[in-house]
Amino acid sequence: MTTTTALVPIPQRLDFDALAPTFSRAVNSLDAACTAELDRAGIDLVLRELVRLRASQLNGCAYCVDMHSVAALKHGATAQRIHAVAIWADSPFFTTQERAALQLTDAVTRLAETHVPRQVVDDALAVFTEAEAAAVISLVLTINLWNGIGVTTRCWEPVLNNA
């Protein structure tokens, strides 16, 4: 048996940014608006990246999983916590606030299945103000949009970091 270490490229399906430039600019503007809401509400940078990472895992967006894992590390999350995001509900590595945000992320990302139960929203409101919860919801909705573009079109590739 021969073992190879060559990586397998994932081909781009569409150059979405070039083909839908007006929409791409609008999504970038939405992302900027989301970031402004998160800043206004004082949502921690690590929490933002954990939410983005979790939604991206659920949606299967390789580019976003890579990008937000790296960003979470950059903002101070440990590798252990980043690896545990996939099993956050069974992991002791997250605060009550992070757990509420991740629970909300799961419910909103799977909204066709969950219909976002009232208890999930109540749990979030128990640890976030209404403005903070709204900012987190805007984040989940925005990353789900990015994931939809990335998964459908494969328009961006993760960057291999050999360091």
Protein backbone atom coordinates (compact mmCIF):
# COMPACT_ATOMS: atom_id res chain seq x y z
CA MET A 1 0.00 0.00 0.00
CA THR A 2 1.34 3.39 -0.99
CA THR A 3 0.66 6.41 1.15
CA THR A 4 0.68 9.83 -0.44
CA THR A 5 0.84 13.17 1.31
CA ALA A 6 -0.37 15.25 -1.62
CA LEU A 7 -3.28 17.49 -0.75
CA VAL A 8 -6.45 17.32 -2.79
CA PRO A 9 -7.51 20.61 -4.36
CA ILE A 10 -11.19 21.51 -4.20
CA PRO A 11 -12.12 23.24 -7.45
CA GLN A 12 -13.99 26.51 -7.51
CA ARG A 13 -17.51 26.18 -8.90
CA LEU A 14 -18.15 29.85 -9.59
CA ASP A 15 -16.25 33.09 -9.11
CA PHE A 16 -19.22 34.46 -7.22
CA ASP A 17 -17.63 37.80 -6.32
CA ALA A 18 -16.92 38.52 -10.00
CA LEU A 19 -20.25 37.18 -11.27
CA ALA A 20 -22.47 38.88 -8.68
CA PRO A 21 -20.46 41.99 -7.70
CA THR A 22 -23.42 44.07 -6.55
CA PHE A 23 -24.63 41.31 -4.28
CA SER A 24 -21.09 40.64 -3.01
CA ARG A 25 -20.72 44.31 -2.07
CA ALA A 26 -24.10 44.16 -0.31
CA VAL A 27 -23.00 41.11 1.71
CA ASN A 28 -19.81 42.93 2.67
CA SER A 29 -21.93 45.90 3.77
CA LEU A 30 -24.17 43.58 5.79
CA ASP A 31 -21.08 42.12 7.44
CA ALA A 32 -19.85 45.63 8.31
CA ALA A 33 -23.27 46.46 9.79
CA CYS A 34 -23.18 43.24 11.82
CA THR A 35 -19.70 44.09 13.10
CA ALA A 36 -20.91 47.56 14.09
CA GLU A 37 -23.76 46.01 16.10
CA LEU A 38 -21.38 43.58 17.79
CA ASP A 39 -19.02 46.45 18.64
CA ARG A 40 -21.89 48.60 19.93
CA ALA A 41 -23.10 45.73 22.12
CA GLY A 42 -19.58 44.96 23.35
CA ILE A 43 -19.57 41.34 22.21
CA ASP A 44 -16.16 39.75 22.84
CA LEU A 45 -13.96 39.01 19.81
CA VAL A 46 -13.40 35.38 20.83
CA LEU A 47 -17.13 34.79 21.26
CA ARG A 48 -17.72 36.21 17.77
CA GLU A 49 -15.23 33.79 16.25
CA LEU A 50 -16.59 30.80 18.19
CA VAL A 51 -20.08 31.58 16.84
CA ARG A 52 -18.76 31.99 13.29
CA LEU A 53 -16.80 28.76 13.62
CA ARG A 54 -19.78 26.78 14.94
CA ALA A 55 -22.15 27.93 12.20
CA SER A 56 -19.48 27.21 9.60
CA GLN A 57 -19.00 23.70 10.99
CA LEU A 58 -22.73 23.03 10.84
CA ASN A 59 -22.93 24.38 7.28
CA GLY A 60 -19.80 22.57 6.11
CA CYS A 61 -17.98 25.67 4.87
CA ALA A 62 -14.31 24.66 4.71
CA TYR A 63 -13.08 28.18 3.96
CA CYS A 64 -14.96 29.71 6.91
CA VAL A 65 -14.00 26.92 9.35
CA ASP A 66 -10.37 27.58 8.48
CA MET A 67 -10.66 31.37 8.62
CA HIS A 68 -12.55 31.53 11.92
CA SER A 69 -10.36 28.91 13.63
CA VAL A 70 -7.32 31.03 12.80
CA ALA A 71 -9.10 34.23 13.88
CA ALA A 72 -10.19 32.67 17.17
CA LEU A 73 -6.58 31.73 17.91
CA LYS A 74 -5.46 35.25 16.99
CA HIS A 75 -7.98 36.76 19.43
CA GLY A 76 -6.89 34.52 22.30
CA ALA A 77 -8.95 31.33 22.15
CA THR A 78 -6.96 28.21 22.98
CA ALA A 79 -6.61 25.38 20.48
CA GLN A 80 -8.40 23.14 22.98
CA ARG A 81 -11.49 25.38 22.97
CA ILE A 82 -11.44 25.74 19.20
CA HIS A 83 -11.33 21.95 18.76
CA ALA A 84 -14.17 21.57 21.28
CA VAL A 85 -16.56 23.91 19.47
CA ALA A 86 -17.78 20.92 17.43
CA ILE A 87 -18.96 19.25 20.67
CA TRP A 88 -19.58 22.36 22.77
CA ALA A 89 -22.70 21.00 24.51
CA ASP A 90 -20.67 18.15 26.03
CA SER A 91 -17.57 20.22 26.76
CA PRO A 92 -16.67 22.02 30.00
CA PHE A 93 -14.53 24.61 28.17
CA PHE A 94 -17.19 27.26 27.57
CA THR A 95 -18.74 29.93 29.77
CA THR A 96 -22.47 30.20 30.35
CA GLN A 97 -22.60 33.12 27.92
CA GLU A 98 -20.63 31.24 25.25
CA ARG A 99 -22.87 28.20 25.69
CA ALA A 100 -25.99 30.33 25.23
CA ALA A 101 -24.51 31.89 22.09
CA LEU A 102 -23.51 28.49 20.69
CA GLN A 103 -26.96 27.07 21.49
CA LEU A 104 -28.53 30.03 19.68
CA THR A 105 -26.13 29.50 16.78
CA ASP A 106 -27.15 25.86 16.49
CA ALA A 107 -30.86 26.67 16.59
CA VAL A 108 -30.73 29.56 14.10
CA THR A 109 -28.38 27.73 11.73
CA ARG A 110 -30.70 24.71 11.77
CA LEU A 111 -33.81 26.84 11.78
CA ALA A 112 -35.74 24.67 9.31
CA GLU A 113 -35.43 21.82 11.83
CA THR A 114 -35.60 23.71 15.12
CA HIS A 115 -37.80 26.73 14.43
CA VAL A 116 -35.61 28.36 17.12
CA PRO A 117 -37.37 27.23 20.30
CA ARG A 118 -38.50 29.88 22.76
CA GLN A 119 -36.30 28.29 25.45
CA VAL A 120 -33.18 28.89 23.34
CA VAL A 121 -34.03 32.58 23.08
CA ASP A 122 -34.89 32.74 26.78
CA ASP A 123 -31.56 31.10 27.65
CA ALA A 124 -29.76 33.72 25.57
CA LEU A 125 -31.71 36.55 27.20
CA ALA A 126 -30.78 35.18 30.63
CA VAL A 127 -27.09 35.99 29.95
CA PHE A 128 -27.26 38.72 27.28
CA THR A 129 -29.12 42.01 27.19
CA GLU A 130 -31.66 42.30 24.39
CA ALA A 131 -29.20 44.43 22.40
CA GLU A 132 -26.42 41.87 22.89
CA ALA A 133 -28.73 39.01 21.90
CA ALA A 134 -29.82 40.91 18.79
CA ALA A 135 -26.16 41.48 17.87
CA VAL A 136 -25.41 37.76 18.28
CA ILE A 137 -28.44 36.89 16.14
CA SER A 138 -27.23 39.31 13.46
CA LEU A 139 -23.86 37.55 13.58
CA VAL A 140 -25.41 34.11 13.16
CA LEU A 141 -27.56 35.26 10.25
CA THR A 142 -24.60 36.95 8.57
CA ILE A 143 -22.22 33.99 8.87
CA ASN A 144 -24.95 31.69 7.56
CA LEU A 145 -25.18 33.90 4.47
CA TRP A 146 -21.40 33.79 3.98
CA ASN A 147 -21.50 30.00 4.45
CA GLY A 148 -24.26 29.68 1.86
CA ILE A 149 -22.12 31.47 -0.70
CA GLY A 150 -18.97 29.51 0.17
CA VAL A 151 -20.54 26.06 0.25
CA THR A 152 -22.57 26.55 -2.92
CA THR A 153 -19.92 28.17 -5.09
CA ARG A 154 -16.61 27.08 -3.49
CA CYS A 155 -15.47 30.55 -4.54
CA TRP A 156 -12.76 30.82 -1.88
CA GLU A 157 -10.08 28.33 -0.90
CA PRO A 158 -8.64 27.81 2.59
CA VAL A 159 -5.03 28.94 2.77
CA LEU A 160 -2.53 26.24 3.71
CA ASN A 161 -0.29 27.52 6.47
CA ASN A 162 2.91 25.51 6.54
CA ALA A 163 4.26 27.40 9.55
